[in-house]
All heavy atoms as atom14 arrays in JSON, in Angstrom:
{
  "sequence": "IDKTAVERFGDKWARPEHFVCSGAYKVTDWVVNEKIVAERNKRYWNDK",
  "atom14_mask": [
    [1, 1, 1, 1, 1, 1, 1, 1, 0, 0, 0, 0, 0, 0],
    [1, 1, 1, 1, 1, 1, 1, 1, 0, 0, 0, 0, 0, 0],
    [1, 1, 1, 1, 1, 1, 1, 1, 1, 0, 0, 0, 0, 0],
    [1, 1, 1, 1, 1, 1, 1, 0, 0, 0, 0, 0, 0, 0],
    [1, 1, 1, 1, 1, 0, 0, 0, 0, 0, 0, 0, 0, 0],
    [1, 1, 1, 1, 1, 1, 1, 0, 0, 0, 0, 0, 0, 0],
    [1, 1, 1, 1, 1, 1, 1, 1, 1, 0, 0, 0, 0, 0],
    [1, 1, 1, 1, 1, 1, 1, 1, 1, 1, 1, 0, 0, 0],
    [1, 1, 1, 1, 1, 1, 1, 1, 1, 1, 1, 0, 0, 0],
    [1, 1, 1, 1, 0, 0, 0, 0, 0, 0, 0, 0, 0, 0],
    [1, 1, 1, 1, 1, 1, 1, 1, 0, 0, 0, 0, 0, 0],
    [1, 1, 1, 1, 1, 1, 1, 1, 1, 0, 0, 0, 0, 0],
    [1, 1, 1, 1, 1, 1, 1, 1, 1, 1, 1, 1, 1, 1],
    [1, 1, 1, 1, 1, 0, 0, 0, 0, 0, 0, 0, 0, 0],
    [1, 1, 1, 1, 1, 1, 1, 1, 1, 1, 1, 0, 0, 0],
    [1, 1, 1, 1, 1, 1, 1, 0, 0, 0, 0, 0, 0, 0],
    [1, 1, 1, 1, 1, 1, 1, 1, 1, 0, 0, 0, 0, 0],
    [1, 1, 1, 1, 1, 1, 1, 1, 1, 1, 0, 0, 0, 0],
    [1, 1, 1, 1, 1, 1, 1, 1, 1, 1, 1, 0, 0, 0],
    [1, 1, 1, 1, 1, 1, 1, 0, 0, 0, 0, 0, 0, 0],
    [1, 1, 1, 1, 1, 1, 0, 0, 0, 0, 0, 0, 0, 0],
    [1, 1, 1, 1, 1, 1, 0, 0, 0, 0, 0, 0, 0, 0],
    [1, 1, 1, 1, 0, 0, 0, 0, 0, 0, 0, 0, 0, 0],
    [1, 1, 1, 1, 1, 0, 0, 0, 0, 0, 0, 0, 0, 0],
    [1, 1, 1, 1, 1, 1, 1, 1, 1, 1, 1, 1, 0, 0],
    [1, 1, 1, 1, 1, 1, 1, 1, 1, 0, 0, 0, 0, 0],
    [1, 1, 1, 1, 1, 1, 1, 0, 0, 0, 0, 0, 0, 0],
    [1, 1, 1, 1, 1, 1, 1, 0, 0, 0, 0, 0, 0, 0],
    [1, 1, 1, 1, 1, 1, 1, 1, 0, 0, 0, 0, 0, 0],
    [1, 1, 1, 1, 1, 1, 1, 1, 1, 1, 1, 1, 1, 1],
    [1, 1, 1, 1, 1, 1, 1, 0, 0, 0, 0, 0, 0, 0],
    [1, 1, 1, 1, 1, 1, 1, 0, 0, 0, 0, 0, 0, 0],
    [1, 1, 1, 1, 1, 1, 1, 1, 0, 0, 0, 0, 0, 0],
    [1, 1, 1, 1, 1, 1, 1, 1, 1, 0, 0, 0, 0, 0],
    [1, 1, 1, 1, 1, 1, 1, 1, 1, 0, 0, 0, 0, 0],
    [1, 1, 1, 1, 1, 1, 1, 1, 0, 0, 0, 0, 0, 0],
    [1, 1, 1, 1, 1, 1, 1, 0, 0, 0, 0, 0, 0, 0],
    [1, 1, 1, 1, 1, 0, 0, 0, 0, 0, 0, 0, 0, 0],
    [1, 1, 1, 1, 1, 1, 1, 1, 1, 0, 0, 0, 0, 0],
    [1, 1, 1, 1, 1, 1, 1, 1, 1, 1, 1, 0, 0, 0],
    [1, 1, 1, 1, 1, 1, 1, 1, 0, 0, 0, 0, 0, 0],
    [1, 1, 1, 1, 1, 1, 1, 1, 1, 0, 0, 0, 0, 0],
    [1, 1, 1, 1, 1, 1, 1, 1, 1, 1, 1, 0, 0, 0],
    [1, 1, 1, 1, 1, 1, 1, 1, 1, 1, 1, 1, 0, 0],
    [1, 1, 1, 1, 1, 1, 1, 1, 1, 1, 1, 1, 1, 1],
    [1, 1, 1, 1, 1, 1, 1, 1, 0, 0, 0, 0, 0, 0],
    [1, 1, 1, 1, 1, 1, 1, 1, 0, 0, 0, 0, 0, 0],
    [1, 1, 1, 1, 1, 1, 1, 1, 1, 0, 0, 0, 0, 0]
  ],
  "atom14_positions": [
    [[192.7, 28.27, 26.04], [192.91, 26.84, 25.91], [191.92, 26.29, 24.88], [190.93, 26.93, 24.55], [192.77, 26.1, 27.25], [191.38, 26.3, 27.86], [193.84, 26.58, 28.23], [191.17, 25.52, 29.16], [0.0, 0.0, 0.0], [0.0, 0.0, 0.0], [0.0, 0.0, 0.0], [0.0, 0.0, 0.0], [0.0, 0.0, 0.0], [0.0, 0.0, 0.0]],
    [[192.23, 25.09, 24.35], [191.47, 24.55, 23.24], [190.17, 23.89, 23.71], [190.19, 22.86, 24.4], [192.34, 23.53, 22.5], [191.64, 22.96, 21.28], [190.89, 23.71, 20.62], [191.84, 21.77, 20.97], [0.0, 0.0, 0.0], [0.0, 0.0, 0.0], [0.0, 0.0, 0.0], [0.0, 0.0, 0.0], [0.0, 0.0, 0.0], [0.0, 0.0, 0.0]],
    [[189.05, 24.47, 23.34], [187.74, 23.97, 23.74], [187.52, 22.54, 23.27], [187.01, 21.69, 24.01], [186.65, 24.89, 23.18], [185.23, 24.41, 23.44], [184.22, 25.33, 22.76], [182.79, 24.85, 22.99], [181.8, 25.74, 22.31], [0.0, 0.0, 0.0], [0.0, 0.0, 0.0], [0.0, 0.0, 0.0], [0.0, 0.0, 0.0], [0.0, 0.0, 0.0]],
    [[187.93, 22.24, 22.05], [187.71, 20.91, 21.49], [188.4, 19.84, 22.32], [187.82, 18.79, 22.64], [188.21, 20.84, 20.04], [187.53, 21.83, 19.25], [187.97, 19.46, 19.45], [0.0, 0.0, 0.0], [0.0, 0.0, 0.0], [0.0, 0.0, 0.0], [0.0, 0.0, 0.0], [0.0, 0.0, 0.0], [0.0, 0.0, 0.0], [0.0, 0.0, 0.0]],
    [[189.65, 20.1, 22.71], [190.4, 19.12, 23.5], [189.77, 18.93, 24.88], [189.65, 17.8, 25.37], [191.86, 19.58, 23.65], [0.0, 0.0, 0.0], [0.0, 0.0, 0.0], [0.0, 0.0, 0.0], [0.0, 0.0, 0.0], [0.0, 0.0, 0.0], [0.0, 0.0, 0.0], [0.0, 0.0, 0.0], [0.0, 0.0, 0.0], [0.0, 0.0, 0.0]],
    [[189.35, 20.02, 25.5], [188.74, 19.93, 26.84], [187.43, 19.15, 26.79], [187.17, 18.28, 27.62], [188.51, 21.34, 27.43], [187.78, 21.24, 28.75], [189.82, 22.08, 27.6], [0.0, 0.0, 0.0], [0.0, 0.0, 0.0], [0.0, 0.0, 0.0], [0.0, 0.0, 0.0], [0.0, 0.0, 0.0], [0.0, 0.0, 0.0], [0.0, 0.0, 0.0]],
    [[186.6, 19.45, 25.8], [185.31, 18.78, 25.72], [185.46, 17.32, 25.3], [184.64, 16.47, 25.67], [184.41, 19.53, 24.73], [184.0, 20.91, 25.26], [183.01, 21.62, 24.35], [182.93, 21.23, 23.16], [182.33, 22.54, 24.83], [0.0, 0.0, 0.0], [0.0, 0.0, 0.0], [0.0, 0.0, 0.0], [0.0, 0.0, 0.0], [0.0, 0.0, 0.0]],
    [[186.49, 17.0, 24.56], [186.67, 15.63, 24.1], [187.28, 14.73, 25.17], [186.89, 13.58, 25.33], [187.56, 15.62, 22.86], [187.78, 14.23, 22.24], [188.59, 14.32, 20.97], [187.89, 15.11, 19.96], [188.44, 15.5, 18.8], [189.7, 15.18, 18.53], [187.75, 16.19, 17.93], [0.0, 0.0, 0.0], [0.0, 0.0, 0.0], [0.0, 0.0, 0.0]],
    [[188.23, 15.28, 25.94], [188.98, 14.44, 26.87], [188.79, 14.79, 28.34], [189.37, 14.14, 29.21], [190.48, 14.49, 26.53], [190.79, 14.04, 25.13], [191.22, 14.95, 24.18], [190.63, 12.71, 24.76], [191.5, 14.55, 22.87], [190.91, 12.3, 23.47], [191.34, 13.22, 22.52], [0.0, 0.0, 0.0], [0.0, 0.0, 0.0], [0.0, 0.0, 0.0]],
    [[187.99, 15.81, 28.63], [187.71, 16.16, 30.02], [188.97, 16.52, 30.79], [189.85, 17.22, 30.26], [0.0, 0.0, 0.0], [0.0, 0.0, 0.0], [0.0, 0.0, 0.0], [0.0, 0.0, 0.0], [0.0, 0.0, 0.0], [0.0, 0.0, 0.0], [0.0, 0.0, 0.0], [0.0, 0.0, 0.0], [0.0, 0.0, 0.0], [0.0, 0.0, 0.0]],
    [[189.09, 16.04, 32.02], [190.23, 16.38, 32.86], [191.55, 15.83, 32.33], [192.63, 16.22, 32.8], [190.01, 15.87, 34.29], [188.93, 16.67, 35.01], [188.65, 17.81, 34.58], [188.38, 16.16, 36.0], [0.0, 0.0, 0.0], [0.0, 0.0, 0.0], [0.0, 0.0, 0.0], [0.0, 0.0, 0.0], [0.0, 0.0, 0.0], [0.0, 0.0, 0.0]],
    [[191.49, 14.91, 31.35], [192.71, 14.31, 30.81], [193.24, 15.06, 29.58], [194.21, 14.63, 28.96], [192.46, 12.85, 30.46], [192.14, 11.97, 31.66], [191.95, 10.52, 31.26], [191.66, 9.65, 32.48], [191.46, 8.22, 32.11], [0.0, 0.0, 0.0], [0.0, 0.0, 0.0], [0.0, 0.0, 0.0], [0.0, 0.0, 0.0], [0.0, 0.0, 0.0]],
    [[192.61, 16.2, 29.25], [193.01, 16.9, 28.04], [194.45, 17.41, 28.09], [195.1, 17.56, 27.05], [192.07, 18.08, 27.77], [192.31, 19.29, 28.62], [191.73, 19.56, 29.82], [193.21, 20.38, 28.36], [192.2, 20.76, 30.32], [193.11, 21.27, 29.45], [194.08, 20.68, 27.32], [193.85, 22.45, 29.51], [194.83, 21.85, 27.38], [194.7, 22.72, 28.47]],
    [[194.98, 17.67, 29.3], [196.32, 18.22, 29.43], [197.4, 17.14, 29.54], [198.56, 17.45, 29.83], [196.4, 19.16, 30.63], [0.0, 0.0, 0.0], [0.0, 0.0, 0.0], [0.0, 0.0, 0.0], [0.0, 0.0, 0.0], [0.0, 0.0, 0.0], [0.0, 0.0, 0.0], [0.0, 0.0, 0.0], [0.0, 0.0, 0.0], [0.0, 0.0, 0.0]],
    [[197.04, 15.87, 29.35], [198.03, 14.81, 29.3], [198.73, 14.84, 27.94], [198.15, 15.3, 26.94], [197.37, 13.44, 29.51], [196.69, 13.28, 30.86], [197.69, 13.32, 32.0], [198.72, 12.29, 31.85], [199.79, 12.2, 32.63], [199.98, 13.08, 33.59], [200.68, 11.25, 32.44], [0.0, 0.0, 0.0], [0.0, 0.0, 0.0], [0.0, 0.0, 0.0]],
    [[199.99, 14.38, 27.86], [200.75, 14.47, 26.6], [200.04, 13.91, 25.38], [200.12, 14.47, 24.28], [202.03, 13.69, 26.91], [202.19, 13.81, 28.39], [200.8, 13.8, 28.95], [0.0, 0.0, 0.0], [0.0, 0.0, 0.0], [0.0, 0.0, 0.0], [0.0, 0.0, 0.0], [0.0, 0.0, 0.0], [0.0, 0.0, 0.0], [0.0, 0.0, 0.0]],
    [[199.32, 12.79, 25.55], [198.68, 12.15, 24.4], [197.52, 12.96, 23.83], [197.11, 12.75, 22.69], [198.2, 10.73, 24.77], [197.19, 10.67, 25.9], [197.81, 10.5, 27.27], [198.98, 10.93, 27.46], [197.13, 9.95, 28.17], [0.0, 0.0, 0.0], [0.0, 0.0, 0.0], [0.0, 0.0, 0.0], [0.0, 0.0, 0.0], [0.0, 0.0, 0.0]],
    [[197.0, 13.91, 24.61], [195.87, 14.74, 24.16], [196.23, 16.22, 24.08], [195.39, 17.03, 23.67], [194.68, 14.58, 25.1], [194.28, 13.16, 25.35], [194.07, 12.25, 24.34], [194.04, 12.49, 26.52], [193.72, 11.08, 24.86], [193.7, 11.19, 26.17], [0.0, 0.0, 0.0], [0.0, 0.0, 0.0], [0.0, 0.0, 0.0], [0.0, 0.0, 0.0]],
    [[197.42, 16.56, 24.45], [197.79, 17.95, 24.7], [197.74, 18.81, 23.43], [198.34, 18.48, 22.41], [199.2, 18.0, 25.29], [199.51, 19.29, 26.0], [198.99, 19.55, 27.25], [200.35, 20.24, 25.43], [199.28, 20.72, 27.92], [200.64, 21.41, 26.09], [200.11, 21.65, 27.34], [0.0, 0.0, 0.0], [0.0, 0.0, 0.0], [0.0, 0.0, 0.0]],
    [[197.0, 19.91, 23.51], [196.95, 20.91, 22.44], [197.29, 22.25, 23.06], [196.71, 22.63, 24.08], [195.55, 20.96, 21.78], [195.49, 22.05, 20.72], [195.21, 19.61, 21.17], [0.0, 0.0, 0.0], [0.0, 0.0, 0.0], [0.0, 0.0, 0.0], [0.0, 0.0, 0.0], [0.0, 0.0, 0.0], [0.0, 0.0, 0.0], [0.0, 0.0, 0.0]],
    [[198.24, 22.97, 22.45], [198.72, 24.21, 23.08], [198.95, 25.28, 22.02], [198.72, 25.07, 20.83], [200.0, 23.94, 23.86], [201.34, 23.32, 22.82], [0.0, 0.0, 0.0], [0.0, 0.0, 0.0], [0.0, 0.0, 0.0], [0.0, 0.0, 0.0], [0.0, 0.0, 0.0], [0.0, 0.0, 0.0], [0.0, 0.0, 0.0], [0.0, 0.0, 0.0]],
    [[199.44, 26.43, 22.47], [199.62, 27.57, 21.57], [201.02, 28.17, 21.66], [201.34, 29.09, 20.92], [198.61, 28.66, 21.91], [198.76, 29.05, 23.28], [0.0, 0.0, 0.0], [0.0, 0.0, 0.0], [0.0, 0.0, 0.0], [0.0, 0.0, 0.0], [0.0, 0.0, 0.0], [0.0, 0.0, 0.0], [0.0, 0.0, 0.0], [0.0, 0.0, 0.0]],
    [[201.86, 27.66, 22.58], [203.15, 28.28, 22.84], [204.31, 27.7, 22.05], [204.13, 26.91, 21.12], [0.0, 0.0, 0.0], [0.0, 0.0, 0.0], [0.0, 0.0, 0.0], [0.0, 0.0, 0.0], [0.0, 0.0, 0.0], [0.0, 0.0, 0.0], [0.0, 0.0, 0.0], [0.0, 0.0, 0.0], [0.0, 0.0, 0.0], [0.0, 0.0, 0.0]],
    [[205.5, 28.08, 22.45], [206.71, 27.68, 21.73], [207.0, 26.19, 21.85], [207.7, 25.62, 21.02], [207.91, 28.48, 22.25], [0.0, 0.0, 0.0], [0.0, 0.0, 0.0], [0.0, 0.0, 0.0], [0.0, 0.0, 0.0], [0.0, 0.0, 0.0], [0.0, 0.0, 0.0], [0.0, 0.0, 0.0], [0.0, 0.0, 0.0], [0.0, 0.0, 0.0]],
    [[206.45, 25.55, 22.89], [206.73, 24.14, 23.13], [205.43, 23.36, 23.36], [204.42, 23.93, 23.77], [207.66, 23.97, 24.33], [209.0, 24.62, 24.1], [209.26, 25.92, 24.54], [210.0, 23.95, 23.4], [210.46, 26.54, 24.28], [211.22, 24.55, 23.15], [211.44, 25.85, 23.58], [212.64, 26.46, 23.32], [0.0, 0.0, 0.0], [0.0, 0.0, 0.0]],
    [[205.5, 22.06, 23.1], [204.36, 21.17, 23.28], [204.79, 20.0, 24.16], [205.83, 19.37, 23.91], [203.89, 20.65, 21.92], [202.69, 19.73, 21.96], [202.32, 19.28, 20.55], [201.03, 18.45, 20.56], [201.18, 17.17, 21.26], [0.0, 0.0, 0.0], [0.0, 0.0, 0.0], [0.0, 0.0, 0.0], [0.0, 0.0, 0.0], [0.0, 0.0, 0.0]],
    [[204.01, 19.72, 25.2], [204.34, 18.61, 26.1], [204.2, 17.29, 25.34], [203.14, 17.0, 24.76], [203.42, 18.62, 27.34], [203.67, 17.37, 28.2], [203.68, 19.87, 28.16], [0.0, 0.0, 0.0], [0.0, 0.0, 0.0], [0.0, 0.0, 0.0], [0.0, 0.0, 0.0], [0.0, 0.0, 0.0], [0.0, 0.0, 0.0], [0.0, 0.0, 0.0]],
    [[205.27, 16.49, 25.36], [205.26, 15.21, 24.64], [205.45, 14.02, 25.57], [205.18, 12.88, 25.17], [206.38, 15.18, 23.59], [207.65, 15.42, 24.22], [206.14, 16.24, 22.52], [0.0, 0.0, 0.0], [0.0, 0.0, 0.0], [0.0, 0.0, 0.0], [0.0, 0.0, 0.0], [0.0, 0.0, 0.0], [0.0, 0.0, 0.0], [0.0, 0.0, 0.0]],
    [[205.88, 14.26, 26.81], [206.08, 13.14, 27.74], [205.95, 13.65, 29.16], [206.35, 14.78, 29.47], [207.48, 12.52, 27.52], [207.65, 11.2, 28.26], [206.63, 10.56, 28.6], [208.81, 10.81, 28.51], [0.0, 0.0, 0.0], [0.0, 0.0, 0.0], [0.0, 0.0, 0.0], [0.0, 0.0, 0.0], [0.0, 0.0, 0.0], [0.0, 0.0, 0.0]],
    [[205.37, 12.83, 30.02], [205.21, 13.18, 31.43], [205.3, 11.91, 32.25], [204.4, 11.08, 32.22], [203.87, 13.88, 31.66], [203.68, 14.46, 33.04], [204.44, 14.21, 34.16], [202.65, 15.37, 33.45], [203.96, 14.92, 35.23], [202.87, 15.64, 34.83], [201.59, 15.98, 32.8], [202.04, 16.49, 35.55], [200.77, 16.83, 33.52], [201.0, 17.09, 34.88]],
    [[206.4, 11.75, 32.96], [206.59, 10.63, 33.88], [206.51, 11.21, 35.28], [207.39, 11.98, 35.69], [207.95, 9.94, 33.67], [208.08, 8.75, 34.63], [208.11, 9.49, 32.22], [0.0, 0.0, 0.0], [0.0, 0.0, 0.0], [0.0, 0.0, 0.0], [0.0, 0.0, 0.0], [0.0, 0.0, 0.0], [0.0, 0.0, 0.0], [0.0, 0.0, 0.0]],
    [[205.44, 10.91, 36.0], [205.16, 11.51, 37.3], [206.35, 11.32, 38.25], [206.91, 10.23, 38.37], [203.88, 10.91, 37.91], [203.65, 11.46, 39.32], [202.68, 11.23, 37.02], [0.0, 0.0, 0.0], [0.0, 0.0, 0.0], [0.0, 0.0, 0.0], [0.0, 0.0, 0.0], [0.0, 0.0, 0.0], [0.0, 0.0, 0.0], [0.0, 0.0, 0.0]],
    [[206.72, 12.44, 38.91], [207.83, 12.48, 39.86], [209.19, 12.18, 39.23], [210.17, 11.91, 39.94], [207.6, 11.53, 41.04], [206.5, 12.01, 41.95], [206.35, 13.21, 42.19], [205.69, 11.09, 42.46], [0.0, 0.0, 0.0], [0.0, 0.0, 0.0], [0.0, 0.0, 0.0], [0.0, 0.0, 0.0], [0.0, 0.0, 0.0], [0.0, 0.0, 0.0]],
    [[209.26, 12.25, 37.91], [210.54, 12.05, 37.23], [210.87, 13.18, 36.27], [211.91, 13.81, 36.36], [210.55, 10.71, 36.49], [211.89, 10.4, 35.83], [211.89, 9.06, 35.12], [211.2, 8.14, 35.58], [212.58, 8.94, 34.08], [0.0, 0.0, 0.0], [0.0, 0.0, 0.0], [0.0, 0.0, 0.0], [0.0, 0.0, 0.0], [0.0, 0.0, 0.0]],
    [[209.95, 13.46, 35.33], [210.24, 14.51, 34.34], [209.0, 14.85, 33.53], [208.06, 14.06, 33.42], [211.35, 14.05, 33.38], [210.93, 12.87, 32.52], [212.05, 12.43, 31.57], [211.59, 11.22, 30.73], [212.65, 10.77, 29.8], [0.0, 0.0, 0.0], [0.0, 0.0, 0.0], [0.0, 0.0, 0.0], [0.0, 0.0, 0.0], [0.0, 0.0, 0.0]],
    [[209.03, 16.04, 32.95], [208.1, 16.45, 31.91], [208.96, 16.92, 30.74], [209.92, 17.66, 30.92], [207.17, 17.59, 32.37], [206.17, 17.06, 33.4], [206.42, 18.2, 31.2], [205.25, 18.11, 33.97], [0.0, 0.0, 0.0], [0.0, 0.0, 0.0], [0.0, 0.0, 0.0], [0.0, 0.0, 0.0], [0.0, 0.0, 0.0], [0.0, 0.0, 0.0]],
    [[208.63, 16.46, 29.55], [209.4, 16.82, 28.36], [208.51, 17.63, 27.42], [207.36, 17.25, 27.15], [209.92, 15.57, 27.63], [210.68, 15.97, 26.36], [210.82, 14.75, 28.54], [0.0, 0.0, 0.0], [0.0, 0.0, 0.0], [0.0, 0.0, 0.0], [0.0, 0.0, 0.0], [0.0, 0.0, 0.0], [0.0, 0.0, 0.0], [0.0, 0.0, 0.0]],
    [[209.03, 18.76, 26.95], [208.33, 19.58, 25.97], [209.23, 19.79, 24.77], [210.42, 20.09, 24.91], [207.94, 20.93, 26.58], [0.0, 0.0, 0.0], [0.0, 0.0, 0.0], [0.0, 0.0, 0.0], [0.0, 0.0, 0.0], [0.0, 0.0, 0.0], [0.0, 0.0, 0.0], [0.0, 0.0, 0.0], [0.0, 0.0, 0.0], [0.0, 0.0, 0.0]],
    [[208.67, 19.59, 23.59], [209.44, 19.76, 22.36], [208.91, 20.93, 21.55], [207.77, 21.35, 21.7], [209.4, 18.46, 21.55], [210.03, 17.28, 22.29], [210.11, 16.03, 21.45], [209.9, 16.12, 20.21], [210.37, 14.96, 22.02], [0.0, 0.0, 0.0], [0.0, 0.0, 0.0], [0.0, 0.0, 0.0], [0.0, 0.0, 0.0], [0.0, 0.0, 0.0]],
    [[209.76, 21.44, 20.71], [209.45, 22.64, 19.93], [208.15, 22.47, 19.14], [207.93, 21.47, 18.48], [210.62, 22.89, 18.98], [210.58, 24.2, 18.25], [211.94, 24.44, 17.63], [211.95, 25.57, 16.74], [213.06, 26.06, 16.18], [214.23, 25.48, 16.45], [213.01, 27.1, 15.37], [0.0, 0.0, 0.0], [0.0, 0.0, 0.0], [0.0, 0.0, 0.0]],
    [[207.29, 23.47, 19.24], [206.02, 23.48, 18.52], [206.23, 24.2, 17.2], [206.3, 25.43, 17.15], [204.96, 24.2, 19.37], [203.65, 24.41, 18.63], [203.38, 23.76, 17.62], [202.84, 25.33, 19.13], [0.0, 0.0, 0.0], [0.0, 0.0, 0.0], [0.0, 0.0, 0.0], [0.0, 0.0, 0.0], [0.0, 0.0, 0.0], [0.0, 0.0, 0.0]],
    [[206.33, 23.45, 16.13], [206.62, 24.02, 14.82], [205.49, 24.89, 14.3], [205.68, 25.66, 13.35], [206.92, 22.9, 13.82], [208.19, 22.11, 14.13], [209.43, 22.97, 14.01], [210.7, 22.15, 14.2], [211.92, 22.97, 14.03], [0.0, 0.0, 0.0], [0.0, 0.0, 0.0], [0.0, 0.0, 0.0], [0.0, 0.0, 0.0], [0.0, 0.0, 0.0]],
    [[204.31, 24.76, 14.9], [203.18, 25.59, 14.46], [203.05, 26.88, 15.27], [202.13, 27.67, 15.06], [201.87, 24.79, 14.56], [201.78, 23.65, 13.52], [200.37, 23.1, 13.48], [200.18, 22.19, 12.37], [200.17, 20.87, 12.47], [200.37, 20.3, 13.66], [199.98, 20.11, 11.42], [0.0, 0.0, 0.0], [0.0, 0.0, 0.0], [0.0, 0.0, 0.0]],
    [[203.98, 27.1, 16.19], [203.98, 28.33, 16.98], [204.2, 29.52, 16.07], [205.07, 29.5, 15.19], [205.08, 28.23, 18.03], [205.28, 29.45, 18.89], [204.22, 30.05, 19.55], [206.55, 30.01, 19.05], [204.4, 31.16, 20.35], [206.76, 31.12, 19.86], [205.68, 31.69, 20.5], [205.86, 32.79, 21.29], [0.0, 0.0, 0.0], [0.0, 0.0, 0.0]],
    [[203.44, 30.58, 16.28], [203.48, 31.72, 15.36], [204.86, 32.37, 15.28], [205.24, 32.95, 14.26], [202.42, 32.76, 15.75], [202.74, 33.52, 17.02], [202.37, 33.19, 18.28], [203.52, 34.71, 17.14], [202.86, 34.09, 19.19], [203.57, 35.05, 18.51], [204.18, 35.55, 16.23], [204.26, 36.17, 18.98], [204.86, 36.67, 16.7], [204.89, 36.96, 18.06]],
    [[205.65, 32.26, 16.37], [206.98, 32.9, 16.38], [208.1, 31.85, 16.43], [209.15, 32.07, 17.01], [207.08, 33.83, 17.6], [208.17, 34.88, 17.41], [208.51, 35.26, 16.3], [208.7, 35.37, 18.52], [0.0, 0.0, 0.0], [0.0, 0.0, 0.0], [0.0, 0.0, 0.0], [0.0, 0.0, 0.0], [0.0, 0.0, 0.0], [0.0, 0.0, 0.0]],
    [[207.85, 30.71, 15.8], [208.82, 29.61, 15.83], [210.18, 30.02, 15.27], [211.21, 29.49, 15.67], [208.28, 28.41, 15.06], [209.24, 27.23, 15.09], [209.52, 26.73, 16.2], [209.73, 26.83, 14.02], [0.0, 0.0, 0.0], [0.0, 0.0, 0.0], [0.0, 0.0, 0.0], [0.0, 0.0, 0.0], [0.0, 0.0, 0.0], [0.0, 0.0, 0.0]],
    [[210.2, 30.99, 14.36], [211.47, 31.41, 13.76], [212.44, 31.96, 14.8], [213.66, 31.98, 14.58], [211.22, 32.44, 12.66], [210.68, 33.78, 13.15], [210.44, 34.72, 12.0], [209.99, 36.11, 12.48], [208.74, 36.06, 13.24], [0.0, 0.0, 0.0], [0.0, 0.0, 0.0], [0.0, 0.0, 0.0], [0.0, 0.0, 0.0], [0.0, 0.0, 0.0]]
  ]
}
């Protein structure tokens, strides 16, 4: 996980507005008890 994001935002680093990831998708929206939305991460190494 991204050290910079964790140290900058603490426990809120995994919220969509601060979210930094490494996988095929990136969390862009989270409405509690309704939905979580993840969109394609164009910087993913295997995006092709």
